[in-house]
């Protein structure tokens, strides 16, 4: 599978909020995993716009009761730690 471009990553990360607002937590989580995986594969620090989408998506997912039950540590995002975030999301 070819690495995602910035546009595809932005589309995946942009889907988190609408899915979450429709109470479709599984799809929101899947979009987050795909988007963050794209960032990891890109191997560079993401642009500010993408960082904002990641941060917003992680904050929304962290509020979900189903996800709260599964978390051993709180979800958080710091630029440069996309690989760790991907691991935490994948465990969910």
PDB file of N, CA and C in Angstrom:
ATOM      1  N   UNK A   1       0.839  -1.178   0.000  1.00  0.00           N
ATOM      2  CA  UNK A   1       0.000   0.000   0.000  1.00  0.00           C
ATOM      3  C   UNK A   1       0.884   1.241   0.000  1.00  0.00           C
ATOM      4  N   UNK A   2       0.597   2.165  -0.864  1.00  0.00           N
ATOM      5  CA  UNK A   2       1.381   3.393  -0.973  1.00  0.00           C
ATOM      6  C   UNK A   2       1.086   4.315   0.206  1.00  0.00           C
ATOM      7  N   UNK A   3       2.059   5.109   0.559  1.00  0.00           N
ATOM      8  CA  UNK A   3       1.879   6.059   1.650  1.00  0.00           C
ATOM      9  C   UNK A   3       0.834   7.105   1.261  1.00  0.00           C
ATOM     10  N   UNK A   4       0.091   7.558   2.243  1.00  0.00           N
ATOM     11  CA  UNK A   4      -0.942   8.562   2.004  1.00  0.00           C
ATOM     12  C   UNK A   4      -0.303   9.927   1.821  1.00  0.00           C
ATOM     13  N   UNK A   5      -0.931  10.723   1.008  1.00  0.00           N
ATOM     14  CA  UNK A   5      -0.500  12.103   0.851  1.00  0.00           C
ATOM     15  C   UNK A   5      -1.166  12.973   1.907  1.00  0.00           C
ATOM     16  N   UNK A   6      -0.758  14.203   1.978  1.00  0.00           N
ATOM     17  CA  UNK A   6      -1.303  15.136   2.964  1.00  0.00           C
ATOM     18  C   UNK A   6      -2.815  15.268   2.822  1.00  0.00           C
ATOM     19  N   UNK A   7      -3.305  15.313   1.595  1.00  0.00           N
ATOM     20  CA  UNK A   7      -4.748  15.454   1.376  1.00  0.00           C
ATOM     21  C   UNK A   7      -5.519  14.275   1.964  1.00  0.00           C
ATOM     22  N   UNK A   8      -5.036  13.068   1.729  1.00  0.00           N
ATOM     23  CA  UNK A   8      -5.710  11.874   2.238  1.00  0.00           C
ATOM     24  C   UNK A   8      -5.655  11.818   3.762  1.00  0.00           C
ATOM     25  N   UNK A   9      -4.526  12.220   4.327  1.00  0.00           N
ATOM     26  CA  UNK A   9      -4.393  12.247   5.788  1.00  0.00           C
ATOM     27  C   UNK A   9      -5.386  13.248   6.374  1.00  0.00           C
ATOM     28  N   UNK A  10      -5.458  14.424   5.750  1.00  0.00           N
ATOM     29  CA  UNK A  10      -6.385  15.461   6.212  1.00  0.00           C
ATOM     30  C   UNK A  10      -7.832  14.972   6.133  1.00  0.00           C
ATOM     31  N   UNK A  11      -8.178  14.256   5.066  1.00  0.00           N
ATOM     32  CA  UNK A  11      -9.533  13.719   4.920  1.00  0.00           C
ATOM     33  C   UNK A  11      -9.851  12.735   6.038  1.00  0.00           C
ATOM     34  N   UNK A  12      -8.914  11.831   6.337  1.00  0.00           N
ATOM     35  CA  UNK A  12      -9.141  10.851   7.406  1.00  0.00           C
ATOM     36  C   UNK A  12      -9.307  11.546   8.754  1.00  0.00           C
ATOM     37  N   UNK A  13      -8.413  12.471   9.061  1.00  0.00           N
ATOM     38  CA  UNK A  13      -8.488  13.173  10.345  1.00  0.00           C
ATOM     39  C   UNK A  13      -9.740  14.038  10.427  1.00  0.00           C
ATOM     40  N   UNK A  14     -10.169  14.588   9.303  1.00  0.00           N
ATOM     41  CA  UNK A  14     -11.378  15.398   9.267  1.00  0.00           C
ATOM     42  C   UNK A  14     -12.649  14.593   9.465  1.00  0.00           C
ATOM     43  N   UNK A  15     -12.586  13.310   9.293  1.00  0.00           N
ATOM     44  CA  UNK A  15     -13.763  12.442   9.467  1.00  0.00           C
ATOM     45  C   UNK A  15     -14.020  12.092  10.932  1.00  0.00           C
ATOM     46  N   UNK A  16     -13.041  12.281  11.787  1.00  0.00           N
ATOM     47  CA  UNK A  16     -13.194  11.895  13.200  1.00  0.00           C
ATOM     48  C   UNK A  16     -14.377  12.619  13.832  1.00  0.00           C
ATOM     49  N   UNK A  17     -14.418  13.937  13.710  1.00  0.00           N
ATOM     50  CA  UNK A  17     -15.462  14.725  14.372  1.00  0.00           C
ATOM     51  C   UNK A  17     -16.866  14.376  13.886  1.00  0.00           C
ATOM     52  N   UNK A  18     -17.123  14.334  12.563  1.00  0.00           N
ATOM     53  CA  UNK A  18     -18.480  13.977  12.131  1.00  0.00           C
ATOM     54  C   UNK A  18     -18.905  12.581  12.598  1.00  0.00           C
ATOM     55  N   UNK A  19     -17.999  11.627  12.548  1.00  0.00           N
ATOM     56  CA  UNK A  19     -18.341  10.279  13.033  1.00  0.00           C
ATOM     57  C   UNK A  19     -18.637  10.311  14.525  1.00  0.00           C
ATOM     58  N   UNK A  20     -17.816  11.016  15.268  1.00  0.00           N
ATOM     59  CA  UNK A  20     -18.017  11.100  16.715  1.00  0.00           C
ATOM     60  C   UNK A  20     -19.363  11.747  17.033  1.00  0.00           C
ATOM     61  N   UNK A  21     -19.688  12.819  16.339  1.00  0.00           N
ATOM     62  CA  UNK A  21     -20.944  13.521  16.595  1.00  0.00           C
ATOM     63  C   UNK A  21     -22.169  12.691  16.225  1.00  0.00           C
ATOM     64  N   UNK A  22     -21.994  11.705  15.355  1.00  0.00           N
ATOM     65  CA  UNK A  22     -23.090  10.786  15.013  1.00  0.00           C
ATOM     66  C   UNK A  22     -23.080   9.555  15.914  1.00  0.00           C
ATOM     67  N   UNK A  23     -22.288   9.604  16.986  1.00  0.00           N
ATOM     68  CA  UNK A  23     -22.157   8.489  17.931  1.00  0.00           C
ATOM     69  C   UNK A  23     -21.652   7.218  17.259  1.00  0.00           C
ATOM     70  N   UNK A  24     -20.820   7.378  16.261  1.00  0.00           N
ATOM     71  CA  UNK A  24     -20.206   6.240  15.578  1.00  0.00           C
ATOM     72  C   UNK A  24     -18.739   6.175  16.001  1.00  0.00           C
ATOM     73  N   UNK A  25     -18.541   5.771  17.243  1.00  0.00           N
ATOM     74  CA  UNK A  25     -17.207   5.779  17.848  1.00  0.00           C
ATOM     75  C   UNK A  25     -16.233   4.885  17.100  1.00  0.00           C
ATOM     76  N   UNK A  26     -16.685   3.741  16.660  1.00  0.00           N
ATOM     77  CA  UNK A  26     -15.786   2.816  15.971  1.00  0.00           C
ATOM     78  C   UNK A  26     -15.247   3.423  14.683  1.00  0.00           C
ATOM     79  N   UNK A  27     -16.110   4.053  13.912  1.00  0.00           N
ATOM     80  CA  UNK A  27     -15.640   4.690  12.678  1.00  0.00           C
ATOM     81  C   UNK A  27     -14.730   5.881  12.982  1.00  0.00           C
ATOM     82  N   UNK A  28     -15.039   6.642  14.034  1.00  0.00           N
ATOM     83  CA  UNK A  28     -14.187   7.775  14.426  1.00  0.00           C
ATOM     84  C   UNK A  28     -12.807   7.268  14.818  1.00  0.00           C
ATOM     85  N   UNK A  29     -12.782   6.179  15.571  1.00  0.00           N
ATOM     86  CA  UNK A  29     -11.505   5.591  15.981  1.00  0.00           C
ATOM     87  C   UNK A  29     -10.738   5.077  14.761  1.00  0.00           C
ATOM     88  N   UNK A  30     -11.439   4.446  13.829  1.00  0.00           N
ATOM     89  CA  UNK A  30     -10.800   3.953  12.611  1.00  0.00           C
ATOM     90  C   UNK A  30     -10.201   5.081  11.780  1.00  0.00           C
ATOM     91  N   UNK A  31     -10.935   6.198  11.675  1.00  0.00           N
ATOM     92  CA  UNK A  31     -10.420   7.348  10.935  1.00  0.00           C
ATOM     93  C   UNK A  31      -9.182   7.917  11.628  1.00  0.00           C
ATOM     94  N   UNK A  32      -9.203   7.937  12.959  1.00  0.00           N
ATOM     95  CA  UNK A  32      -8.043   8.433  13.710  1.00  0.00           C
ATOM     96  C   UNK A  32      -6.828   7.540  13.475  1.00  0.00           C
ATOM     97  N   UNK A  33      -7.040   6.231  13.520  1.00  0.00           N
ATOM     98  CA  UNK A  33      -5.929   5.297  13.304  1.00  0.00           C
ATOM     99  C   UNK A  33      -5.345   5.481  11.908  1.00  0.00           C
ATOM    100  N   UNK A  34      -6.203   5.554  10.893  1.00  0.00           N
ATOM    101  CA  UNK A  34      -5.712   5.713   9.519  1.00  0.00           C
ATOM    102  C   UNK A  34      -4.986   7.045   9.325  1.00  0.00           C
ATOM    103  N   UNK A  35      -5.546   8.112   9.900  1.00  0.00           N
ATOM    104  CA  UNK A  35      -4.911   9.420   9.762  1.00  0.00           C
ATOM    105  C   UNK A  35      -3.553   9.489  10.442  1.00  0.00           C
ATOM    106  N   UNK A  36      -3.486   8.983  11.677  1.00  0.00           N
ATOM    107  CA  UNK A  36      -2.211   9.013  12.408  1.00  0.00           C
ATOM    108  C   UNK A  36      -1.210   8.055  11.765  1.00  0.00           C
ATOM    109  N   UNK A  37      -1.694   6.934  11.242  1.00  0.00           N
ATOM    110  CA  UNK A  37      -0.797   6.016  10.536  1.00  0.00           C
ATOM    111  C   UNK A  37      -0.180   6.710   9.325  1.00  0.00           C
ATOM    112  N   UNK A  38      -0.972   7.501   8.616  1.00  0.00           N
ATOM    113  CA  UNK A  38      -0.458   8.265   7.481  1.00  0.00           C
ATOM    114  C   UNK A  38       0.616   9.257   7.913  1.00  0.00           C
ATOM    115  N   UNK A  39       0.397   9.894   9.066  1.00  0.00           N
ATOM    116  CA  UNK A  39       1.400  10.826   9.587  1.00  0.00           C
ATOM    117  C   UNK A  39       2.698  10.103   9.929  1.00  0.00           C
ATOM    118  N   UNK A  40       2.578   8.925  10.531  1.00  0.00           N
ATOM    119  CA  UNK A  40       3.766   8.140  10.892  1.00  0.00           C
ATOM    120  C   UNK A  40       4.516   7.733   9.634  1.00  0.00           C
ATOM    121  N   UNK A  41       3.793   7.277   8.617  1.00  0.00           N
ATOM    122  CA  UNK A  41       4.429   6.853   7.375  1.00  0.00           C
ATOM    123  C   UNK A  41       5.097   8.020   6.652  1.00  0.00           C
ATOM    124  N   UNK A  42       4.532   9.230   6.802  1.00  0.00           N
ATOM    125  CA  UNK A  42       5.128  10.409   6.161  1.00  0.00           C
ATOM    126  C   UNK A  42       6.504  10.691   6.748  1.00  0.00           C
ATOM    127  N   UNK A  43       6.678  10.404   8.030  1.00  0.00           N
ATOM    128  CA  UNK A  43       7.986  10.510   8.649  1.00  0.00           C
ATOM    129  C   UNK A  43       8.483  11.917   8.912  1.00  0.00           C
ATOM    130  N   UNK A  44       7.631  12.918   8.734  1.00  0.00           N
ATOM    131  CA  UNK A  44       8.026  14.295   9.018  1.00  0.00           C
ATOM    132  C   UNK A  44       7.040  14.891  10.013  1.00  0.00           C
ATOM    133  N   UNK A  45       7.425  15.981  10.616  1.00  0.00           N
ATOM    134  CA  UNK A  45       6.540  16.676  11.534  1.00  0.00           C
ATOM    135  C   UNK A  45       5.343  17.197  10.745  1.00  0.00           C
ATOM    136  N   UNK A  46       4.118  16.890  11.182  1.00  0.00           N
ATOM    137  CA  UNK A  46       2.943  17.306  10.406  1.00  0.00           C
ATOM    138  C   UNK A  46       2.757  18.822  10.416  1.00  0.00           C
ATOM    139  N   UNK A  47       2.149  19.361   9.350  1.00  0.00           N
ATOM    140  CA  UNK A  47       1.847  20.788   9.317  1.00  0.00           C
ATOM    141  C   UNK A  47       0.877  21.166  10.441  1.00  0.00           C
ATOM    142  N   UNK A  48       0.835  22.439  10.799  1.00  0.00           N
ATOM    143  CA  UNK A  48      -0.027  22.926  11.896  1.00  0.00           C
ATOM    144  C   UNK A  48      -1.489  22.523  11.708  1.00  0.00           C
ATOM    145  N   UNK A  49      -1.979  22.604  10.497  1.00  0.00           N
ATOM    146  CA  UNK A  49      -3.384  22.272  10.231  1.00  0.00           C
ATOM    147  C   UNK A  49      -3.690  20.827  10.629  1.00  0.00           C
ATOM    148  N   UNK A  50      -2.785  19.925  10.295  1.00  0.00           N
ATOM    149  CA  UNK A  50      -2.996  18.515  10.644  1.00  0.00           C
ATOM    150  C   UNK A  50      -2.840  18.291  12.135  1.00  0.00           C
ATOM    151  N   UNK A  51      -1.935  19.001  12.767  1.00  0.00           N
ATOM    152  CA  UNK A  51      -1.771  18.873  14.229  1.00  0.00           C
ATOM    153  C   UNK A  51      -3.065  19.259  14.938  1.00  0.00           C
ATOM    154  N   UNK A  52      -3.712  20.322  14.447  1.00  0.00           N
ATOM    155  CA  UNK A  52      -4.976  20.751  15.036  1.00  0.00           C
ATOM    156  C   UNK A  52      -6.061  19.702  14.877  1.00  0.00           C
ATOM    157  N   UNK A  53      -6.123  19.068  13.710  1.00  0.00           N
ATOM    158  CA  UNK A  53      -7.115  18.005  13.493  1.00  0.00           C
ATOM    159  C   UNK A  53      -6.855  16.804  14.394  1.00  0.00           C
ATOM    160  N   UNK A  54      -5.589  16.450  14.555  1.00  0.00           N
ATOM    161  CA  UNK A  54      -5.246  15.323  15.437  1.00  0.00           C
ATOM    162  C   UNK A  54      -5.644  15.664  16.867  1.00  0.00           C
ATOM    163  N   UNK A  55      -5.264  16.842  17.319  1.00  0.00           N
ATOM    164  CA  UNK A  55      -5.557  17.256  18.690  1.00  0.00           C
ATOM    165  C   UNK A  55      -7.063  17.252  18.958  1.00  0.00           C
ATOM    166  N   UNK A  56      -7.830  17.827  18.031  1.00  0.00           N
ATOM    167  CA  UNK A  56      -9.283  17.879  18.196  1.00  0.00           C
ATOM    168  C   UNK A  56      -9.887  16.471  18.220  1.00  0.00           C
ATOM    169  N   UNK A  57      -9.437  15.625  17.297  1.00  0.00           N
ATOM    170  CA  UNK A  57      -9.957  14.258  17.247  1.00  0.00           C
ATOM    171  C   UNK A  57      -9.640  13.468  18.499  1.00  0.00           C
ATOM    172  N   UNK A  58      -8.434  13.616  19.017  1.00  0.00           N
ATOM    173  CA  UNK A  58      -8.038  12.889  20.225  1.00  0.00           C
ATOM    174  C   UNK A  58      -8.838  13.385  21.424  1.00  0.00           C
ATOM    175  N   UNK A  59      -9.071  14.689  21.502  1.00  0.00           N
ATOM    176  CA  UNK A  59      -9.879  15.227  22.597  1.00  0.00           C
ATOM    177  C   UNK A  59     -11.297  14.673  22.560  1.00  0.00           C
ATOM    178  N   UNK A  60     -11.876  14.594  21.376  1.00  0.00           N
ATOM    179  CA  UNK A  60     -13.224  14.044  21.246  1.00  0.00           C
ATOM    180  C   UNK A  60     -13.259  12.569  21.647  1.00  0.00           C
ATOM    181  N   UNK A  61     -12.315  11.801  21.122  1.00  0.00           N
ATOM    182  CA  UNK A  61     -12.292  10.370  21.442  1.00  0.00           C
ATOM    183  C   UNK A  61     -12.060  10.139  22.934  1.00  0.00           C
ATOM    184  N   UNK A  62     -11.278  10.981  23.558  1.00  0.00           N
ATOM    185  CA  UNK A  62     -10.990  10.835  24.989  1.00  0.00           C
ATOM    186  C   UNK A  62     -12.233  11.044  25.845  1.00  0.00           C
ATOM    187  N   UNK A  63     -13.215  11.752  25.328  1.00  0.00           N
ATOM    188  CA  UNK A  63     -14.463  12.001  26.059  1.00  0.00           C
ATOM    189  C   UNK A  63     -15.439  10.834  25.997  1.00  0.00           C
ATOM    190  N   UNK A  64     -15.258   9.954  25.029  1.00  0.00           N
ATOM    191  CA  UNK A  64     -16.219   8.874  24.798  1.00  0.00           C
ATOM    192  C   UNK A  64     -16.171   7.860  25.933  1.00  0.00           C
ATOM    193  N   UNK A  65     -17.342   7.482  26.447  1.00  0.00           N
ATOM    194  CA  UNK A  65     -17.420   6.549  27.575  1.00  0.00           C
ATOM    195  C   UNK A  65     -16.852   5.178  27.233  1.00  0.00           C
ATOM    196  N   UNK A  66     -17.121   4.692  26.021  1.00  0.00           N
ATOM    197  CA  UNK A  66     -16.607   3.376  25.625  1.00  0.00           C
ATOM    198  C   UNK A  66     -15.080   3.378  25.612  1.00  0.00           C
ATOM    199  N   UNK A  67     -14.506   4.431  25.095  1.00  0.00           N
ATOM    200  CA  UNK A  67     -13.048   4.523  25.007  1.00  0.00           C
ATOM    201  C   UNK A  67     -12.439   4.722  26.389  1.00  0.00           C
ATOM    202  N   UNK A  68     -13.093   5.521  27.236  1.00  0.00           N
ATOM    203  CA  UNK A  68     -12.594   5.741  28.602  1.00  0.00           C
ATOM    204  C   UNK A  68     -12.432   4.424  29.348  1.00  0.00           C
ATOM    205  N   UNK A  69     -13.374   3.517  29.128  1.00  0.00           N
ATOM    206  CA  UNK A  69     -13.324   2.213  29.815  1.00  0.00           C
ATOM    207  C   UNK A  69     -12.104   1.403  29.387  1.00  0.00           C
ATOM    208  N   UNK A  70     -11.675   1.573  28.145  1.00  0.00           N
ATOM    209  CA  UNK A  70     -10.573   0.777  27.607  1.00  0.00           C
ATOM    210  C   UNK A  70      -9.197   1.394  27.839  1.00  0.00           C
ATOM    211  N   UNK A  71      -9.161   2.675  28.140  1.00  0.00           N
ATOM    212  CA  UNK A  71      -7.879   3.362  28.283  1.00  0.00           C
ATOM    213  C   UNK A  71      -7.185   3.003  29.592  1.00  0.00           C
ATOM    214  N   UNK A  72      -5.899   2.705  29.503  1.00  0.00           N
ATOM    215  CA  UNK A  72      -5.099   2.512  30.711  1.00  0.00           C
ATOM    216  C   UNK A  72      -4.411   3.816  31.085  1.00  0.00           C
ATOM    217  N   UNK A  73      -4.074   4.625  30.093  1.00  0.00           N
ATOM    218  CA  UNK A  73      -3.518   5.964  30.305  1.00  0.00           C
ATOM    219  C   UNK A  73      -4.286   6.928  29.410  1.00  0.00           C
ATOM    220  N   UNK A  74      -4.398   8.176  29.807  1.00  0.00           N
ATOM    221  CA  UNK A  74      -5.146   9.132  28.987  1.00  0.00           C
ATOM    222  C   UNK A  74      -4.497   9.331  27.619  1.00  0.00           C
ATOM    223  N   UNK A  75      -5.352   9.529  26.617  1.00  0.00           N
ATOM    224  CA  UNK A  75      -4.847   9.831  25.280  1.00  0.00           C
ATOM    225  C   UNK A  75      -4.389  11.273  25.252  1.00  0.00           C
ATOM    226  N   UNK A  76      -3.298  11.516  24.582  1.00  0.00           N
ATOM    227  CA  UNK A  76      -2.800  12.877  24.418  1.00  0.00           C
ATOM    228  C   UNK A  76      -1.973  12.939  23.152  1.00  0.00           C
ATOM    229  N   UNK A  77      -1.786  14.149  22.669  1.00  0.00           N
ATOM    230  CA  UNK A  77      -1.003  14.299  21.450  1.00  0.00           C
ATOM    231  C   UNK A  77      -0.001  15.422  21.605  1.00  0.00           C
ATOM    232  N   UNK A  78       1.236  15.122  21.290  1.00  0.00           N
ATOM    233  CA  UNK A  78       2.304  16.109  21.196  1.00  0.00           C
ATOM    234  C   UNK A  78       2.971  15.899  19.839  1.00  0.00           C
ATOM    235  N   UNK A  79       3.203  16.971  19.087  1.00  0.00           N
ATOM    236  CA  UNK A  79       3.879  16.813  17.798  1.00  0.00           C
ATOM    237  C   UNK A  79       5.203  16.064  17.970  1.00  0.00           C
ATOM    238  N   UNK A  80       5.438  15.124  17.085  1.00  0.00           N
ATOM    239  CA  UNK A  80       6.642  14.303  17.159  1.00  0.00           C
ATOM    240  C   UNK A  80       6.400  12.970  17.840  1.00  0.00           C
ATOM    241  N   UNK A  81       5.238  12.799  18.474  1.00  0.00           N
ATOM    242  CA  UNK A  81       4.920  11.549  19.161  1.00  0.00           C
ATOM    243  C   UNK A  81       3.784  10.803  18.469  1.00  0.00           C
ATOM    244  N   UNK A  82       3.745  10.922  17.160  1.00  0.00           N
ATOM    245  CA  UNK A  82       2.679  10.274  16.402  1.00  0.00           C
ATOM    246  C   UNK A  82       2.753   8.755  16.502  1.00  0.00           C
ATOM    247  N   UNK A  83       3.963   8.200  16.526  1.00  0.00           N
ATOM    248  CA  UNK A  83       4.125   6.746  16.606  1.00  0.00           C
ATOM    249  C   UNK A  83       3.544   6.200  17.914  1.00  0.00           C
ATOM    250  N   UNK A  84       3.799   6.888  19.032  1.00  0.00           N
ATOM    251  CA  UNK A  84       3.255   6.459  20.317  1.00  0.00           C
ATOM    252  C   UNK A  84       1.734   6.561  20.327  1.00  0.00           C
ATOM    253  N   UNK A  85       1.219   7.639  19.741  1.00  0.00           N
ATOM    254  CA  UNK A  85      -0.221   7.820  19.658  1.00  0.00           C
ATOM    255  C   UNK A  85      -0.861   6.729  18.815  1.00  0.00           C
ATOM    256  N   UNK A  86      -0.223   6.381  17.708  1.00  0.00           N
ATOM    257  CA  UNK A  86      -0.724   5.308  16.851  1.00  0.00           C
ATOM    258  C   UNK A  86      -0.796   3.999  17.631  1.00  0.00           C
ATOM    259  N   UNK A  87       0.236   3.703  18.418  1.00  0.00           N
ATOM    260  CA  UNK A  87       0.220   2.491  19.232  1.00  0.00           C
ATOM    261  C   UNK A  87      -0.931   2.480  20.221  1.00  0.00           C
ATOM    262  N   UNK A  88      -1.165   3.611  20.877  1.00  0.00           N
ATOM    263  CA  UNK A  88      -2.270   3.708  21.859  1.00  0.00           C
ATOM    264  C   UNK A  88      -3.618   3.543  21.167  1.00  0.00           C
ATOM    265  N   UNK A  89      -3.784   4.168  19.996  1.00  0.00           N
ATOM    266  CA  UNK A  89      -5.056   4.050  19.268  1.00  0.00           C
ATOM    267  C   UNK A  89      -5.264   2.625  18.767  1.00  0.00           C
ATOM    268  N   UNK A  90      -4.207   2.016  18.290  1.00  0.00           N
ATOM    269  CA  UNK A  90      -4.311   0.654  17.757  1.00  0.00           C
ATOM    270  C   UNK A  90      -4.694  -0.335  18.859  1.00  0.00           C
ATOM    271  N   UNK A  91      -4.244  -0.105  20.085  1.00  0.00           N
ATOM    272  CA  UNK A  91      -4.604  -0.986  21.192  1.00  0.00           C
ATOM    273  C   UNK A  91      -6.100  -0.942  21.471  1.00  0.00           C
ATOM    274  N   UNK A  92      -6.710   0.241  21.266  1.00  0.00           N
ATOM    275  CA  UNK A  92      -8.140   0.367  21.511  1.00  0.00           C
ATOM    276  C   UNK A  92      -8.907  -0.486  20.528  1.00  0.00           C
TER     277      UNK A  92
END
